[in-house]
Structures are given as structure tokens and as C-alpha cells.
Amino acid sequence: MIKGIKKIAIMFVVMVLVTACSSNSKPDGESKTIDLAKLHTEIKEAYGEDYIPSMELQL
């Protein structure tokens, strides 16, 4: 029983450390800008012309 609790605790600590270390957010709060036209083209290439997004893409 104790070994199971230790394993869960270790897994939790590892998950917290991995999450904290893999953060890609910038410290000053800036967001990354992307080209929506390029994104739309890449989506069409990946999913084909018949792809219908759940939201309208505004360019």
C-alpha cells in the first residue's frame, strides 16, 4: 500500500516538473503572432478542400 502511494507521489512530482520546465510562454506576457493565411493554407493541404472548420476563419 505504501509503495503504491510513493509511486503516485513520485509520478505527480515528475508531472509537475515536466509541466513547469516545458512552458513555452514568454515571461513578459507577449503572445506569439501567426499568419492566418498561411495557417489556412496548411490546414487545406493537410485536410483537403472539403474541410469545414467549426468556426469561421477570419483573415
PDB file of N, CA and C in Angstrom:
ATOM      1  N   MET A   1       0.822  -1.191   0.000  1.00  0.00           N
ATOM      2  CA  MET A   1       0.000   0.000   0.000  1.00  0.00           C
ATOM      3  C   MET A   1       0.869   1.258   0.000  1.00  0.00           C
ATOM      4  N   ILE A   2       1.899   1.281   0.824  1.00  0.00           N
ATOM      5  CA  ILE A   2       2.793   2.433   0.916  1.00  0.00           C
ATOM      6  C   ILE A   2       3.555   2.613  -0.401  1.00  0.00           C
ATOM      7  N   LYS A   3       3.972   1.497  -1.023  1.00  0.00           N
ATOM      8  CA  LYS A   3       4.701   1.587  -2.287  1.00  0.00           C
ATOM      9  C   LYS A   3       3.845   2.220  -3.371  1.00  0.00           C
ATOM     10  N   GLY A   4       2.550   1.903  -3.368  1.00  0.00           N
ATOM     11  CA  GLY A   4       1.632   2.482  -4.350  1.00  0.00           C
ATOM     12  C   GLY A   4       1.499   3.987  -4.171  1.00  0.00           C
ATOM     13  N   ILE A   5       1.414   4.428  -2.923  1.00  0.00           N
ATOM     14  CA  ILE A   5       1.303   5.856  -2.624  1.00  0.00           C
ATOM     15  C   ILE A   5       2.588   6.572  -3.026  1.00  0.00           C
ATOM     16  N   LYS A   6       3.740   5.942  -2.775  1.00  0.00           N
ATOM     17  CA  LYS A   6       5.021   6.544  -3.154  1.00  0.00           C
ATOM     18  C   LYS A   6       5.112   6.687  -4.670  1.00  0.00           C
ATOM     19  N   LYS A   7       4.680   5.652  -5.396  1.00  0.00           N
ATOM     20  CA  LYS A   7       4.718   5.720  -6.863  1.00  0.00           C
ATOM     21  C   LYS A   7       3.836   6.841  -7.384  1.00  0.00           C
ATOM     22  N   ILE A   8       2.648   6.979  -6.823  1.00  0.00           N
ATOM     23  CA  ILE A   8       1.731   8.041  -7.239  1.00  0.00           C
ATOM     24  C   ILE A   8       2.330   9.406  -6.929  1.00  0.00           C
ATOM     25  N   ALA A   9       2.930   9.557  -5.750  1.00  0.00           N
ATOM     26  CA  ALA A   9       3.542  10.826  -5.363  1.00  0.00           C
ATOM     27  C   ALA A   9       4.715  11.171  -6.291  1.00  0.00           C
ATOM     28  N   ILE A  10       5.534  10.186  -6.610  1.00  0.00           N
ATOM     29  CA  ILE A  10       6.677  10.414  -7.499  1.00  0.00           C
ATOM     30  C   ILE A  10       6.189  10.795  -8.890  1.00  0.00           C
ATOM     31  N   MET A  11       5.166  10.093  -9.379  1.00  0.00           N
ATOM     32  CA  MET A  11       4.622  10.417 -10.708  1.00  0.00           C
ATOM     33  C   MET A  11       4.052  11.832 -10.725  1.00  0.00           C
ATOM     34  N   PHE A  12       3.390  12.238  -9.643  1.00  0.00           N
ATOM     35  CA  PHE A  12       2.838  13.584  -9.558  1.00  0.00           C
ATOM     36  C   PHE A  12       3.948  14.636  -9.590  1.00  0.00           C
ATOM     37  N   VAL A  13       4.998  14.419  -8.832  1.00  0.00           N
ATOM     38  CA  VAL A  13       6.124  15.357  -8.798  1.00  0.00           C
ATOM     39  C   VAL A  13       6.782  15.446 -10.173  1.00  0.00           C
ATOM     40  N   VAL A  14       6.960  14.321 -10.842  1.00  0.00           N
ATOM     41  CA  VAL A  14       7.566  14.311 -12.175  1.00  0.00           C
ATOM     42  C   VAL A  14       6.678  15.084 -13.152  1.00  0.00           C
ATOM     43  N   MET A  15       5.364  14.875 -13.080  1.00  0.00           N
ATOM     44  CA  MET A  15       4.458  15.594 -13.983  1.00  0.00           C
ATOM     45  C   MET A  15       4.519  17.097 -13.748  1.00  0.00           C
ATOM     46  N   VAL A  16       4.581  17.509 -12.493  1.00  0.00           N
ATOM     47  CA  VAL A  16       4.671  18.938 -12.171  1.00  0.00           C
ATOM     48  C   VAL A  16       5.974  19.518 -12.714  1.00  0.00           C
ATOM     49  N   LEU A  17       7.078  18.810 -12.520  1.00  0.00           N
ATOM     50  CA  LEU A  17       8.365  19.303 -13.008  1.00  0.00           C
ATOM     51  C   LEU A  17       8.407  19.377 -14.530  1.00  0.00           C
ATOM     52  N   VAL A  18       7.881  18.369 -15.196  1.00  0.00           N
ATOM     53  CA  VAL A  18       7.863  18.376 -16.664  1.00  0.00           C
ATOM     54  C   VAL A  18       7.010  19.523 -17.170  1.00  0.00           C
ATOM     55  N   THR A  19       5.863  19.734 -16.559  1.00  0.00           N
ATOM     56  CA  THR A  19       4.980  20.823 -16.966  1.00  0.00           C
ATOM     57  C   THR A  19       5.643  22.175 -16.738  1.00  0.00           C
ATOM     58  N   ALA A  20       6.276  22.349 -15.615  1.00  0.00           N
ATOM     59  CA  ALA A  20       6.916  23.629 -15.294  1.00  0.00           C
ATOM     60  C   ALA A  20       8.106  23.902 -16.207  1.00  0.00           C
ATOM     61  N   CYS A  21       8.851  22.881 -16.549  1.00  0.00           N
ATOM     62  CA  CYS A  21      10.048  23.064 -17.362  1.00  0.00           C
ATOM     63  C   CYS A  21       9.738  23.197 -18.848  1.00  0.00           C
ATOM     64  N   SER A  22       8.582  22.726 -19.281  1.00  0.00           N
ATOM     65  CA  SER A  22       8.280  22.762 -20.704  1.00  0.00           C
ATOM     66  C   SER A  22       7.395  23.935 -21.091  1.00  0.00           C
ATOM     67  N   SER A  23       7.220  24.887 -20.219  1.00  0.00           N
ATOM     68  CA  SER A  23       6.375  26.043 -20.508  1.00  0.00           C
ATOM     69  C   SER A  23       7.013  26.887 -21.609  1.00  0.00           C
ATOM     70  N   ASN A  24       6.240  27.179 -22.655  1.00  0.00           N
ATOM     71  CA  ASN A  24       6.726  27.981 -23.772  1.00  0.00           C
ATOM     72  C   ASN A  24       6.251  29.421 -23.705  1.00  0.00           C
ATOM     73  N   SER A  25       5.601  29.799 -22.643  1.00  0.00           N
ATOM     74  CA  SER A  25       5.108  31.167 -22.548  1.00  0.00           C
ATOM     75  C   SER A  25       6.255  32.114 -22.239  1.00  0.00           C
ATOM     76  N   LYS A  26       6.151  33.311 -22.775  1.00  0.00           N
ATOM     77  CA  LYS A  26       7.178  34.317 -22.533  1.00  0.00           C
ATOM     78  C   LYS A  26       6.917  34.969 -21.176  1.00  0.00           C
ATOM     79  N   PRO A  27       7.957  35.297 -20.440  1.00  0.00           N
ATOM     80  CA  PRO A  27       7.765  35.840 -19.102  1.00  0.00           C
ATOM     81  C   PRO A  27       7.068  37.194 -19.078  1.00  0.00           C
ATOM     82  N   ASP A  28       7.198  37.987 -20.135  1.00  0.00           N
ATOM     83  CA  ASP A  28       6.577  39.314 -20.136  1.00  0.00           C
ATOM     84  C   ASP A  28       5.138  39.281 -20.630  1.00  0.00           C
ATOM     85  N   GLY A  29       4.570  38.117 -20.909  1.00  0.00           N
ATOM     86  CA  GLY A  29       3.174  38.002 -21.279  1.00  0.00           C
ATOM     87  C   GLY A  29       2.873  38.232 -22.746  1.00  0.00           C
ATOM     88  N   GLU A  30       3.882  38.371 -23.585  1.00  0.00           N
ATOM     89  CA  GLU A  30       3.638  38.582 -25.006  1.00  0.00           C
ATOM     90  C   GLU A  30       3.123  37.299 -25.635  1.00  0.00           C
ATOM     91  N   SER A  31       2.249  37.457 -26.627  1.00  0.00           N
ATOM     92  CA  SER A  31       1.753  36.287 -27.324  1.00  0.00           C
ATOM     93  C   SER A  31       2.424  36.182 -28.686  1.00  0.00           C
ATOM     94  N   LYS A  32       2.454  34.986 -29.214  1.00  0.00           N
ATOM     95  CA  LYS A  32       3.081  34.722 -30.496  1.00  0.00           C
ATOM     96  C   LYS A  32       2.091  35.062 -31.604  1.00  0.00           C
ATOM     97  N   THR A  33       2.528  35.808 -32.607  1.00  0.00           N
ATOM     98  CA  THR A  33       1.648  36.139 -33.725  1.00  0.00           C
ATOM     99  C   THR A  33       1.903  35.163 -34.865  1.00  0.00           C
ATOM    100  N   ILE A  34       0.820  34.794 -35.544  1.00  0.00           N
ATOM    101  CA  ILE A  34       0.925  33.868 -36.658  1.00  0.00           C
ATOM    102  C   ILE A  34       0.224  34.455 -37.870  1.00  0.00           C
ATOM    103  N   ASP A  35       0.591  33.988 -39.040  1.00  0.00           N
ATOM    104  CA  ASP A  35      -0.038  34.415 -40.284  1.00  0.00           C
ATOM    105  C   ASP A  35      -1.233  33.497 -40.537  1.00  0.00           C
ATOM    106  N   LEU A  36      -2.451  34.054 -40.430  1.00  0.00           N
ATOM    107  CA  LEU A  36      -3.649  33.234 -40.573  1.00  0.00           C
ATOM    108  C   LEU A  36      -3.820  32.690 -41.986  1.00  0.00           C
ATOM    109  N   ALA A  37      -3.389  33.440 -42.990  1.00  0.00           N
ATOM    110  CA  ALA A  37      -3.494  32.958 -44.371  1.00  0.00           C
ATOM    111  C   ALA A  37      -2.617  31.713 -44.556  1.00  0.00           C
ATOM    112  N   LYS A  38      -1.407  31.744 -43.997  1.00  0.00           N
ATOM    113  CA  LYS A  38      -0.510  30.586 -44.081  1.00  0.00           C
ATOM    114  C   LYS A  38      -1.096  29.397 -43.321  1.00  0.00           C
ATOM    115  N   LEU A  39      -1.662  29.655 -42.135  1.00  0.00           N
ATOM    116  CA  LEU A  39      -2.290  28.604 -41.359  1.00  0.00           C
ATOM    117  C   LEU A  39      -3.456  27.979 -42.128  1.00  0.00           C
ATOM    118  N   HIS A  40      -4.270  28.803 -42.750  1.00  0.00           N
ATOM    119  CA  HIS A  40      -5.412  28.315 -43.529  1.00  0.00           C
ATOM    120  C   HIS A  40      -4.943  27.445 -44.689  1.00  0.00           C
ATOM    121  N   THR A  41      -3.885  27.866 -45.366  1.00  0.00           N
ATOM    122  CA  THR A  41      -3.342  27.089 -46.475  1.00  0.00           C
ATOM    123  C   THR A  41      -2.816  25.745 -45.989  1.00  0.00           C
ATOM    124  N   GLU A  42      -2.123  25.731 -44.862  1.00  0.00           N
ATOM    125  CA  GLU A  42      -1.592  24.482 -44.316  1.00  0.00           C
ATOM    126  C   GLU A  42      -2.715  23.537 -43.887  1.00  0.00           C
ATOM    127  N   ILE A  43      -3.793  24.087 -43.351  1.00  0.00           N
ATOM    128  CA  ILE A  43      -4.934  23.250 -42.974  1.00  0.00           C
ATOM    129  C   ILE A  43      -5.571  22.641 -44.216  1.00  0.00           C
ATOM    130  N   LYS A  44      -5.716  23.438 -45.275  1.00  0.00           N
ATOM    131  CA  LYS A  44      -6.296  22.914 -46.520  1.00  0.00           C
ATOM    132  C   LYS A  44      -5.423  21.827 -47.118  1.00  0.00           C
ATOM    133  N   GLU A  45      -4.099  22.002 -47.023  1.00  0.00           N
ATOM    134  CA  GLU A  45      -3.183  20.977 -47.538  1.00  0.00           C
ATOM    135  C   GLU A  45      -3.283  19.697 -46.711  1.00  0.00           C
ATOM    136  N   ALA A  46      -3.432  19.832 -45.408  1.00  0.00           N
ATOM    137  CA  ALA A  46      -3.468  18.666 -44.533  1.00  0.00           C
ATOM    138  C   ALA A  46      -4.804  17.927 -44.596  1.00  0.00           C
ATOM    139  N   TYR A  47      -5.916  18.681 -44.673  1.00  0.00           N
ATOM    140  CA  TYR A  47      -7.233  18.057 -44.580  1.00  0.00           C
ATOM    141  C   TYR A  47      -8.008  18.064 -45.898  1.00  0.00           C
ATOM    142  N   GLY A  48      -7.515  18.747 -46.912  1.00  0.00           N
ATOM    143  CA  GLY A  48      -8.197  18.779 -48.204  1.00  0.00           C
ATOM    144  C   GLY A  48      -9.150  19.956 -48.317  1.00  0.00           C
ATOM    145  N   GLU A  49      -9.651  20.162 -49.517  1.00  0.00           N
ATOM    146  CA  GLU A  49     -10.534  21.293 -49.797  1.00  0.00           C
ATOM    147  C   GLU A  49     -11.898  21.149 -49.125  1.00  0.00           C
ATOM    148  N   ASP A  50     -12.313  19.931 -48.789  1.00  0.00           N
ATOM    149  CA  ASP A  50     -13.642  19.698 -48.225  1.00  0.00           C
ATOM    150  C   ASP A  50     -13.698  19.915 -46.717  1.00  0.00           C
ATOM    151  N   TYR A  51     -12.584  20.329 -46.117  1.00  0.00           N
ATOM    152  CA  TYR A  51     -12.540  20.539 -44.667  1.00  0.00           C
ATOM    153  C   TYR A  51     -13.412  21.729 -44.293  1.00  0.00           C
ATOM    154  N   ILE A  52     -14.298  21.525 -43.319  1.00  0.00           N
ATOM    155  CA  ILE A  52     -15.157  22.603 -42.841  1.00  0.00           C
ATOM    156  C   ILE A  52     -14.849  22.823 -41.355  1.00  0.00           C
ATOM    157  N   PRO A  53     -14.252  23.972 -41.013  1.00  0.00           N
ATOM    158  CA  PRO A  53     -13.923  24.232 -39.605  1.00  0.00           C
ATOM    159  C   PRO A  53     -15.182  24.482 -38.809  1.00  0.00           C
ATOM    160  N   SER A  54     -15.101  24.300 -37.499  1.00  0.00           N
ATOM    161  CA  SER A  54     -16.253  24.523 -36.645  1.00  0.00           C
ATOM    162  C   SER A  54     -16.510  26.013 -36.420  1.00  0.00           C
ATOM    163  N   MET A  55     -15.501  26.845 -36.694  1.00  0.00           N
ATOM    164  CA  MET A  55     -15.651  28.287 -36.587  1.00  0.00           C
ATOM    165  C   MET A  55     -15.213  28.916 -37.899  1.00  0.00           C
ATOM    166  N   GLU A  56     -15.813  30.062 -38.222  1.00  0.00           N
ATOM    167  CA  GLU A  56     -15.422  30.757 -39.429  1.00  0.00           C
ATOM    168  C   GLU A  56     -14.029  31.357 -39.246  1.00  0.00           C
ATOM    169  N   LEU A  57     -13.168  31.182 -40.238  1.00  0.00           N
ATOM    170  CA  LEU A  57     -11.818  31.730 -40.183  1.00  0.00           C
ATOM    171  C   LEU A  57     -11.840  33.122 -40.790  1.00  0.00           C
ATOM    172  N   GLN A  58     -11.488  34.113 -40.000  1.00  0.00           N
ATOM    173  CA  GLN A  58     -11.472  35.488 -40.482  1.00  0.00           C
ATOM    174  C   GLN A  58     -10.057  35.893 -40.797  1.00  0.00           C
ATOM    175  N   LEU A  59      -9.817  36.308 -42.023  1.00  0.00           N
ATOM    176  CA  LEU A  59      -8.478  36.720 -42.439  1.00  0.00           C
ATOM    177  C   LEU A  59      -8.352  38.224 -42.427  1.00  0.00           C
TER     178      LEU A  59
END
